[in-house]
């Protein structure tokens, strides 16, 4: 009886098995890399030339983020503090602390302190700090509770999917503009009567929110979204210019 299939087809099951194993291993390896902190840099905590404990400066001493990062409200790129900013305090405070020697050396020579860049986006990504912080996005949304960090680390993945989560549902992240640098702010801190008097409430709200005991993040965010006409785009050109 004649064979219906060519001889090479005898190897087909083995070849399919090998290809399937390779594909599964490749997908597993890709997923293992691209969705883990090794790729997203979450937890990245480099050693800086000068230890700067944000928990002491912000939470204990009450320094505002904008004292050091003074361009954040007016420029696309936020700045790290220059030596003059540091020495405004440290000419008197902890002036002989050996940990501050790189700052004192910079003050004498004029050479900047070589800070290690932590929250760094790829070169093909455009991000405008001023556009975000002036429309209700807090430092904590991207940098985490940096006011409680003795050593700064990457707290968020800053991936495209993570960014789109905010662009698609900004009401989950918006807060009053006077609370942008209050990294411990919570929706429960808002007085409904004062908030409604200042910002109003959404057009489709069926009750008077000023009489509520408290407002949720979604209620606060939706109000601000309508008040400020926030319509984030999902177009590729928004970030990839």
C-alpha atoms as a PDB file:
ATOM      1  CA  UNK A   1       0.000   0.000   0.000  1.00  0.00           C
ATOM      2  CA  UNK A   2       1.378   3.361  -1.000  1.00  0.00           C
ATOM      3  CA  UNK A   3       2.315   5.985   1.601  1.00  0.00           C
ATOM      4  CA  UNK A   4       0.069   9.056   1.634  1.00  0.00           C
ATOM      5  CA  UNK A   5       2.595  11.319   3.417  1.00  0.00           C
ATOM      6  CA  UNK A   6       6.197  12.083   2.458  1.00  0.00           C
ATOM      7  CA  UNK A   7       8.976  10.674   4.634  1.00  0.00           C
ATOM      8  CA  UNK A   8       9.897  14.094   6.087  1.00  0.00           C
ATOM      9  CA  UNK A   9       6.492  14.297   7.768  1.00  0.00           C
ATOM     10  CA  UNK A  10       7.642  11.614  10.216  1.00  0.00           C
ATOM     11  CA  UNK A  11       9.727  14.312  11.880  1.00  0.00           C
ATOM     12  CA  UNK A  12       6.926  16.888  11.962  1.00  0.00           C
ATOM     13  CA  UNK A  13       5.613  16.080  15.488  1.00  0.00           C
ATOM     14  CA  UNK A  14       9.135  16.372  16.918  1.00  0.00           C
ATOM     15  CA  UNK A  15       9.760  19.643  15.092  1.00  0.00           C
ATOM     16  CA  UNK A  16       6.464  21.086  16.302  1.00  0.00           C
ATOM     17  CA  UNK A  17       7.279  20.043  19.858  1.00  0.00           C
ATOM     18  CA  UNK A  18      10.697  21.699  19.729  1.00  0.00           C
ATOM     19  CA  UNK A  19       9.251  24.912  18.231  1.00  0.00           C
ATOM     20  CA  UNK A  20       6.529  25.011  20.887  1.00  0.00           C
ATOM     21  CA  UNK A  21       9.076  24.627  23.675  1.00  0.00           C
ATOM     22  CA  UNK A  22      11.226  27.429  22.216  1.00  0.00           C
ATOM     23  CA  UNK A  23       8.218  29.757  21.859  1.00  0.00           C
ATOM     24  CA  UNK A  24       7.002  29.073  25.401  1.00  0.00           C
ATOM     25  CA  UNK A  25      10.496  29.609  26.838  1.00  0.00           C
ATOM     26  CA  UNK A  26      10.886  32.843  24.865  1.00  0.00           C
ATOM     27  CA  UNK A  27       7.554  34.204  26.038  1.00  0.00           C
ATOM     28  CA  UNK A  28       8.318  33.220  29.623  1.00  0.00           C
ATOM     29  CA  UNK A  29      11.760  34.850  29.519  1.00  0.00           C
ATOM     30  CA  UNK A  30      10.362  38.021  27.929  1.00  0.00           C
ATOM     31  CA  UNK A  31       7.583  38.309  30.480  1.00  0.00           C
ATOM     32  CA  UNK A  32       9.988  37.553  33.317  1.00  0.00           C
ATOM     33  CA  UNK A  33      12.218  40.424  32.213  1.00  0.00           C
ATOM     34  CA  UNK A  34       9.801  43.105  31.005  1.00  0.00           C
ATOM     35  CA  UNK A  35       7.315  42.985  33.896  1.00  0.00           C
ATOM     36  CA  UNK A  36       9.811  42.722  36.731  1.00  0.00           C
ATOM     37  CA  UNK A  37      11.747  45.449  38.599  1.00  0.00           C
ATOM     38  CA  UNK A  38      14.886  44.553  36.655  1.00  0.00           C
ATOM     39  CA  UNK A  39      13.320  46.221  33.613  1.00  0.00           C
ATOM     40  CA  UNK A  40      11.064  48.824  35.264  1.00  0.00           C
ATOM     41  CA  UNK A  41      13.823  49.860  37.705  1.00  0.00           C
ATOM     42  CA  UNK A  42      11.388  49.803  40.611  1.00  0.00           C
ATOM     43  CA  UNK A  43      13.558  49.730  43.718  1.00  0.00           C
ATOM     44  CA  UNK A  44      16.595  51.226  41.950  1.00  0.00           C
ATOM     45  CA  UNK A  45      18.508  52.975  44.744  1.00  0.00           C
ATOM     46  CA  UNK A  46      21.938  54.219  43.668  1.00  0.00           C
ATOM     47  CA  UNK A  47      24.549  55.573  46.044  1.00  0.00           C
ATOM     48  CA  UNK A  48      24.721  59.357  45.763  1.00  0.00           C
ATOM     49  CA  UNK A  49      27.897  61.429  46.306  1.00  0.00           C
ATOM     50  CA  UNK A  50      26.100  63.099  49.219  1.00  0.00           C
ATOM     51  CA  UNK A  51      23.420  61.308  51.252  1.00  0.00           C
ATOM     52  CA  UNK A  52      20.253  63.401  51.181  1.00  0.00           C
ATOM     53  CA  UNK A  53      17.529  62.030  53.498  1.00  0.00           C
ATOM     54  CA  UNK A  54      14.247  63.349  52.142  1.00  0.00           C
ATOM     55  CA  UNK A  55      12.445  62.087  55.223  1.00  0.00           C
ATOM     56  CA  UNK A  56      14.413  64.488  57.426  1.00  0.00           C
ATOM     57  CA  UNK A  57      14.316  67.497  55.095  1.00  0.00           C
ATOM     58  CA  UNK A  58      10.640  67.152  54.108  1.00  0.00           C
ATOM     59  CA  UNK A  59       8.790  65.326  56.877  1.00  0.00           C
ATOM     60  CA  UNK A  60      10.783  66.591  59.856  1.00  0.00           C
ATOM     61  CA  UNK A  61      11.942  70.038  58.729  1.00  0.00           C
ATOM     62  CA  UNK A  62       8.924  70.790  56.548  1.00  0.00           C
ATOM     63  CA  UNK A  63      10.804  71.817  53.419  1.00  0.00           C
ATOM     64  CA  UNK A  64       8.670  72.178  50.307  1.00  0.00           C
ATOM     65  CA  UNK A  65       9.669  70.186  47.218  1.00  0.00           C
ATOM     66  CA  UNK A  66       9.918  73.421  45.246  1.00  0.00           C
ATOM     67  CA  UNK A  67      12.655  74.847  47.439  1.00  0.00           C
ATOM     68  CA  UNK A  68      15.154  72.463  45.848  1.00  0.00           C
ATOM     69  CA  UNK A  69      13.285  71.560  42.646  1.00  0.00           C
ATOM     70  CA  UNK A  70      12.504  75.150  41.784  1.00  0.00           C
ATOM     71  CA  UNK A  71      11.775  74.719  38.061  1.00  0.00           C
ATOM     72  CA  UNK A  72       9.103  72.051  38.418  1.00  0.00           C
ATOM     73  CA  UNK A  73       6.163  74.444  37.967  1.00  0.00           C
ATOM     74  CA  UNK A  74       7.565  76.392  35.033  1.00  0.00           C
ATOM     75  CA  UNK A  75       9.683  73.988  32.985  1.00  0.00           C
ATOM     76  CA  UNK A  76       9.334  70.674  31.215  1.00  0.00           C
ATOM     77  CA  UNK A  77      12.317  69.279  33.115  1.00  0.00           C
ATOM     78  CA  UNK A  78      12.598  69.504  36.867  1.00  0.00           C
ATOM     79  CA  UNK A  79      15.990  70.480  38.254  1.00  0.00           C
ATOM     80  CA  UNK A  80      18.165  69.106  41.006  1.00  0.00           C
ATOM     81  CA  UNK A  81      19.319  71.749  43.494  1.00  0.00           C
ATOM     82  CA  UNK A  82      22.539  73.555  42.730  1.00  0.00           C
ATOM     83  CA  UNK A  83      25.276  73.971  45.312  1.00  0.00           C
ATOM     84  CA  UNK A  84      24.117  77.472  46.231  1.00  0.00           C
ATOM     85  CA  UNK A  85      20.760  76.059  47.298  1.00  0.00           C
ATOM     86  CA  UNK A  86      22.421  73.513  49.571  1.00  0.00           C
ATOM     87  CA  UNK A  87      24.845  76.001  51.048  1.00  0.00           C
ATOM     88  CA  UNK A  88      22.079  78.474  51.860  1.00  0.00           C
ATOM     89  CA  UNK A  89      21.446  76.215  54.843  1.00  0.00           C
ATOM     90  CA  UNK A  90      24.656  74.287  55.242  1.00  0.00           C
ATOM     91  CA  UNK A  91      26.946  77.251  55.683  1.00  0.00           C
ATOM     92  CA  UNK A  92      25.516  77.222  59.197  1.00  0.00           C
ATOM     93  CA  UNK A  93      23.732  73.877  59.661  1.00  0.00           C
ATOM     94  CA  UNK A  94      25.966  70.781  59.878  1.00  0.00           C
ATOM     95  CA  UNK A  95      28.725  72.882  58.322  1.00  0.00           C
ATOM     96  CA  UNK A  96      31.508  70.538  59.490  1.00  0.00           C
ATOM     97  CA  UNK A  97      29.733  67.270  58.721  1.00  0.00           C
ATOM     98  CA  UNK A  98      32.172  65.124  56.668  1.00  0.00           C
ATOM     99  CA  UNK A  99      29.285  63.750  54.596  1.00  0.00           C
ATOM    100  CA  UNK A 100      28.834  67.232  53.142  1.00  0.00           C
ATOM    101  CA  UNK A 101      32.442  67.549  51.946  1.00  0.00           C
ATOM    102  CA  UNK A 102      31.463  67.109  48.243  1.00  0.00           C
ATOM    103  CA  UNK A 103      29.057  70.049  48.621  1.00  0.00           C
ATOM    104  CA  UNK A 104      31.723  72.230  50.251  1.00  0.00           C
ATOM    105  CA  UNK A 105      34.215  71.250  47.576  1.00  0.00           C
ATOM    106  CA  UNK A 106      31.699  72.190  44.890  1.00  0.00           C
ATOM    107  CA  UNK A 107      31.149  75.524  46.630  1.00  0.00           C
ATOM    108  CA  UNK A 108      34.867  76.270  46.526  1.00  0.00           C
ATOM    109  CA  UNK A 109      35.642  75.034  43.013  1.00  0.00           C
ATOM    110  CA  UNK A 110      32.423  75.878  41.195  1.00  0.00           C
ATOM    111  CA  UNK A 111      32.154  72.315  39.875  1.00  0.00           C
ATOM    112  CA  UNK A 112      28.660  70.834  40.308  1.00  0.00           C
ATOM    113  CA  UNK A 113      28.008  67.859  42.556  1.00  0.00           C
ATOM    114  CA  UNK A 114      27.743  64.743  40.398  1.00  0.00           C
ATOM    115  CA  UNK A 115      24.315  63.520  41.462  1.00  0.00           C
ATOM    116  CA  UNK A 116      23.188  60.149  40.095  1.00  0.00           C
ATOM    117  CA  UNK A 117      20.070  60.463  37.920  1.00  0.00           C
ATOM    118  CA  UNK A 118      17.342  58.158  39.263  1.00  0.00           C
ATOM    119  CA  UNK A 119      13.979  59.008  37.700  1.00  0.00           C
ATOM    120  CA  UNK A 120      15.155  58.957  34.123  1.00  0.00           C
ATOM    121  CA  UNK A 121      12.886  58.332  31.151  1.00  0.00           C
ATOM    122  CA  UNK A 122      14.186  57.048  27.785  1.00  0.00           C
ATOM    123  CA  UNK A 123      15.372  59.707  25.350  1.00  0.00           C
ATOM    124  CA  UNK A 124      12.411  59.012  23.049  1.00  0.00           C
ATOM    125  CA  UNK A 125       9.889  59.961  25.753  1.00  0.00           C
ATOM    126  CA  UNK A 126       8.804  63.571  26.288  1.00  0.00           C
ATOM    127  CA  UNK A 127       7.401  64.475  29.704  1.00  0.00           C
ATOM    128  CA  UNK A 128       6.469  67.977  30.798  1.00  0.00           C
ATOM    129  CA  UNK A 129       6.606  68.422  34.576  1.00  0.00           C
ATOM    130  CA  UNK A 130       4.929  71.829  34.558  1.00  0.00           C
ATOM    131  CA  UNK A 131       1.966  70.598  32.538  1.00  0.00           C
ATOM    132  CA  UNK A 132       1.275  67.893  35.111  1.00  0.00           C
ATOM    133  CA  UNK A 133       1.892  69.621  38.451  1.00  0.00           C
ATOM    134  CA  UNK A 134      -0.113  72.688  37.373  1.00  0.00           C
ATOM    135  CA  UNK A 135      -3.093  70.477  36.666  1.00  0.00           C
ATOM    136  CA  UNK A 136      -3.411  68.412  39.782  1.00  0.00           C
ATOM    137  CA  UNK A 137      -0.807  65.644  39.484  1.00  0.00           C
ATOM    138  CA  UNK A 138       1.235  65.378  42.663  1.00  0.00           C
ATOM    139  CA  UNK A 139       4.913  64.520  42.968  1.00  0.00           C
ATOM    140  CA  UNK A 140       3.805  61.394  44.854  1.00  0.00           C
ATOM    141  CA  UNK A 141       1.911  60.062  41.838  1.00  0.00           C
ATOM    142  CA  UNK A 142       5.171  59.456  39.959  1.00  0.00           C
ATOM    143  CA  UNK A 143       7.827  59.428  42.679  1.00  0.00           C
ATOM    144  CA  UNK A 144       5.963  57.704  45.504  1.00  0.00           C
ATOM    145  CA  UNK A 145       6.142  58.767  49.144  1.00  0.00           C
ATOM    146  CA  UNK A 146       9.522  60.347  48.656  1.00  0.00           C
ATOM    147  CA  UNK A 147       8.988  62.441  51.782  1.00  0.00           C
ATOM    148  CA  UNK A 148       9.427  59.275  53.838  1.00  0.00           C
ATOM    149  CA  UNK A 149      12.492  57.957  52.016  1.00  0.00           C
ATOM    150  CA  UNK A 150      15.838  58.126  53.845  1.00  0.00           C
ATOM    151  CA  UNK A 151      17.384  57.120  50.504  1.00  0.00           C
ATOM    152  CA  UNK A 152      15.587  57.960  47.263  1.00  0.00           C
ATOM    153  CA  UNK A 153      14.631  55.050  45.041  1.00  0.00           C
ATOM    154  CA  UNK A 154      12.421  54.425  42.019  1.00  0.00           C
ATOM    155  CA  UNK A 155       8.950  53.701  43.396  1.00  0.00           C
ATOM    156  CA  UNK A 156       6.936  53.530  40.163  1.00  0.00           C
ATOM    157  CA  UNK A 157       7.542  51.593  36.923  1.00  0.00           C
ATOM    158  CA  UNK A 158       7.073  54.640  34.635  1.00  0.00           C
ATOM    159  CA  UNK A 159       6.206  52.307  31.781  1.00  0.00           C
ATOM    160  CA  UNK A 160       3.913  53.245  28.912  1.00  0.00           C
ATOM    161  CA  UNK A 161       1.063  51.167  30.343  1.00  0.00           C
ATOM    162  CA  UNK A 162       1.525  52.879  33.702  1.00  0.00           C
ATOM    163  CA  UNK A 163       1.375  56.342  32.092  1.00  0.00           C
ATOM    164  CA  UNK A 164      -1.709  55.420  30.064  1.00  0.00           C
ATOM    165  CA  UNK A 165      -3.494  54.338  33.214  1.00  0.00           C
ATOM    166  CA  UNK A 166      -3.460  57.980  34.321  1.00  0.00           C
ATOM    167  CA  UNK A 167      -4.219  59.394  30.881  1.00  0.00           C
ATOM    168  CA  UNK A 168      -7.275  57.167  30.560  1.00  0.00           C
ATOM    169  CA  UNK A 169      -8.569  57.796  34.074  1.00  0.00           C
ATOM    170  CA  UNK A 170      -7.068  61.057  35.402  1.00  0.00           C
ATOM    171  CA  UNK A 171      -9.860  61.382  37.975  1.00  0.00           C
ATOM    172  CA  UNK A 172      -8.133  58.645  39.973  1.00  0.00           C
ATOM    173  CA  UNK A 173      -5.075  60.851  40.496  1.00  0.00           C
ATOM    174  CA  UNK A 174      -6.081  64.529  40.422  1.00  0.00           C
ATOM    175  CA  UNK A 175      -5.972  66.624  43.581  1.00  0.00           C
ATOM    176  CA  UNK A 176      -6.366  70.341  44.456  1.00  0.00           C
ATOM    177  CA  UNK A 177      -3.483  72.451  43.184  1.00  0.00           C
ATOM    178  CA  UNK A 178      -2.536  73.607  46.688  1.00  0.00           C
ATOM    179  CA  UNK A 179      -1.943  69.989  47.728  1.00  0.00           C
ATOM    180  CA  UNK A 180       0.438  68.999  44.929  1.00  0.00           C
ATOM    181  CA  UNK A 181       3.531  69.028  47.154  1.00  0.00           C
ATOM    182  CA  UNK A 182       1.705  67.718  50.219  1.00  0.00           C
ATOM    183  CA  UNK A 183       2.729  64.131  49.658  1.00  0.00           C
ATOM    184  CA  UNK A 184       0.733  62.862  52.637  1.00  0.00           C
ATOM    185  CA  UNK A 185      -2.530  64.327  51.299  1.00  0.00           C
ATOM    186  CA  UNK A 186      -5.601  62.061  51.328  1.00  0.00           C
ATOM    187  CA  UNK A 187      -9.100  62.632  49.919  1.00  0.00           C
ATOM    188  CA  UNK A 188     -10.399  62.397  53.487  1.00  0.00           C
ATOM    189  CA  UNK A 189      -8.536  65.648  54.230  1.00  0.00           C
ATOM    190  CA  UNK A 190     -10.882  67.583  51.936  1.00  0.00           C
ATOM    191  CA  UNK A 191     -13.801  69.512  53.401  1.00  0.00           C
ATOM    192  CA  UNK A 192     -16.733  68.863  51.012  1.00  0.00           C
ATOM    193  CA  UNK A 193     -18.324  72.263  51.648  1.00  0.00           C
ATOM    194  CA  UNK A 194     -15.087  74.187  51.034  1.00  0.00           C
ATOM    195  CA  UNK A 195     -14.194  72.063  48.003  1.00  0.00           C
ATOM    196  CA  UNK A 196     -17.578  72.519  46.326  1.00  0.00           C
ATOM    197  CA  UNK A 197     -17.537  76.245  47.079  1.00  0.00           C
ATOM    198  CA  UNK A 198     -14.185  76.562  45.302  1.00  0.00           C
ATOM    199  CA  UNK A 199     -14.455  74.045  42.463  1.00  0.00           C
ATOM    200  CA  UNK A 200     -18.150  73.223  42.134  1.00  0.00           C
ATOM    201  CA  UNK A 201     -19.202  69.676  41.264  1.00  0.00           C
ATOM    202  CA  UNK A 202     -19.760  67.649  38.062  1.00  0.00           C
ATOM    203  CA  UNK A 203     -22.725  68.539  35.880  1.00  0.00           C
ATOM    204  CA  UNK A 204     -24.277  65.095  36.211  1.00  0.00           C
ATOM    205  CA  UNK A 205     -24.082  65.008  40.036  1.00  0.00           C
ATOM    206  CA  UNK A 206     -27.532  64.191  41.421  1.00  0.00           C
ATOM    207  CA  UNK A 207     -27.028  65.471  44.948  1.00  0.00           C
ATOM    208  CA  UNK A 208     -25.416  68.361  46.754  1.00  0.00           C
ATOM    209  CA  UNK A 209     -21.868  67.176  47.469  1.00  0.00           C
ATOM    210  CA  UNK A 210     -21.237  70.033  49.882  1.00  0.00           C
ATOM    211  CA  UNK A 211     -23.488  68.259  52.384  1.00  0.00           C
ATOM    212  CA  UNK A 212     -21.554  65.004  52.226  1.00  0.00           C
ATOM    213  CA  UNK A 213     -19.382  63.914  55.120  1.00  0.00           C
ATOM    214  CA  UNK A 214     -16.476  63.220  52.797  1.00  0.00           C
ATOM    215  CA  UNK A 215     -15.612  63.025  49.114  1.00  0.00           C
ATOM    216  CA  UNK A 216     -13.972  60.102  47.348  1.00  0.00           C
ATOM    217  CA  UNK A 217     -10.921  60.380  45.116  1.00  0.00           C
ATOM    218  CA  UNK A 218     -13.108  59.783  42.065  1.00  0.00           C
ATOM    219  CA  UNK A 219     -15.513  62.583  43.072  1.00  0.00           C
ATOM    220  CA  UNK A 220     -12.672  65.008  43.686  1.00  0.00           C
ATOM    221  CA  UNK A 221     -10.896  63.970  40.506  1.00  0.00           C
ATOM    222  CA  UNK A 222     -13.984  64.145  38.297  1.00  0.00           C
ATOM    223  CA  UNK A 223     -14.766  67.626  39.590  1.00  0.00           C
ATOM    224  CA  UNK A 224     -11.247  68.876  38.869  1.00  0.00           C
ATOM    225  CA  UNK A 225     -11.200  67.125  35.504  1.00  0.00           C
ATOM    226  CA  UNK A 226     -14.289  69.055  34.399  1.00  0.00           C
ATOM    227  CA  UNK A 227     -13.248  72.278  36.118  1.00  0.00           C
ATOM    228  CA  UNK A 228      -9.864  72.368  34.416  1.00  0.00           C
ATOM    229  CA  UNK A 229     -11.078  70.759  31.167  1.00  0.00           C
ATOM    230  CA  UNK A 230      -8.505  67.998  31.443  1.00  0.00           C
ATOM    231  CA  UNK A 231      -8.609  65.715  28.402  1.00  0.00           C
ATOM    232  CA  UNK A 232      -5.392  63.688  28.260  1.00  0.00           C
ATOM    233  CA  UNK A 233      -4.662  62.286  24.843  1.00  0.00           C
ATOM    234  CA  UNK A 234      -3.593  58.733  24.106  1.00  0.00           C
ATOM    235  CA  UNK A 235      -2.014  59.677  20.806  1.00  0.00           C
ATOM    236  CA  UNK A 236       1.529  58.383  20.345  1.00  0.00           C
ATOM    237  CA  UNK A 237       2.772  61.855  19.428  1.00  0.00           C
ATOM    238  CA  UNK A 238       1.911  63.139  22.902  1.00  0.00           C
ATOM    239  CA  UNK A 239       5.001  61.522  24.407  1.00  0.00           C
ATOM    240  CA  UNK A 240       6.986  60.367  21.371  1.00  0.00           C
ATOM    241  CA  UNK A 241       7.827  63.564  19.499  1.00  0.00           C
END
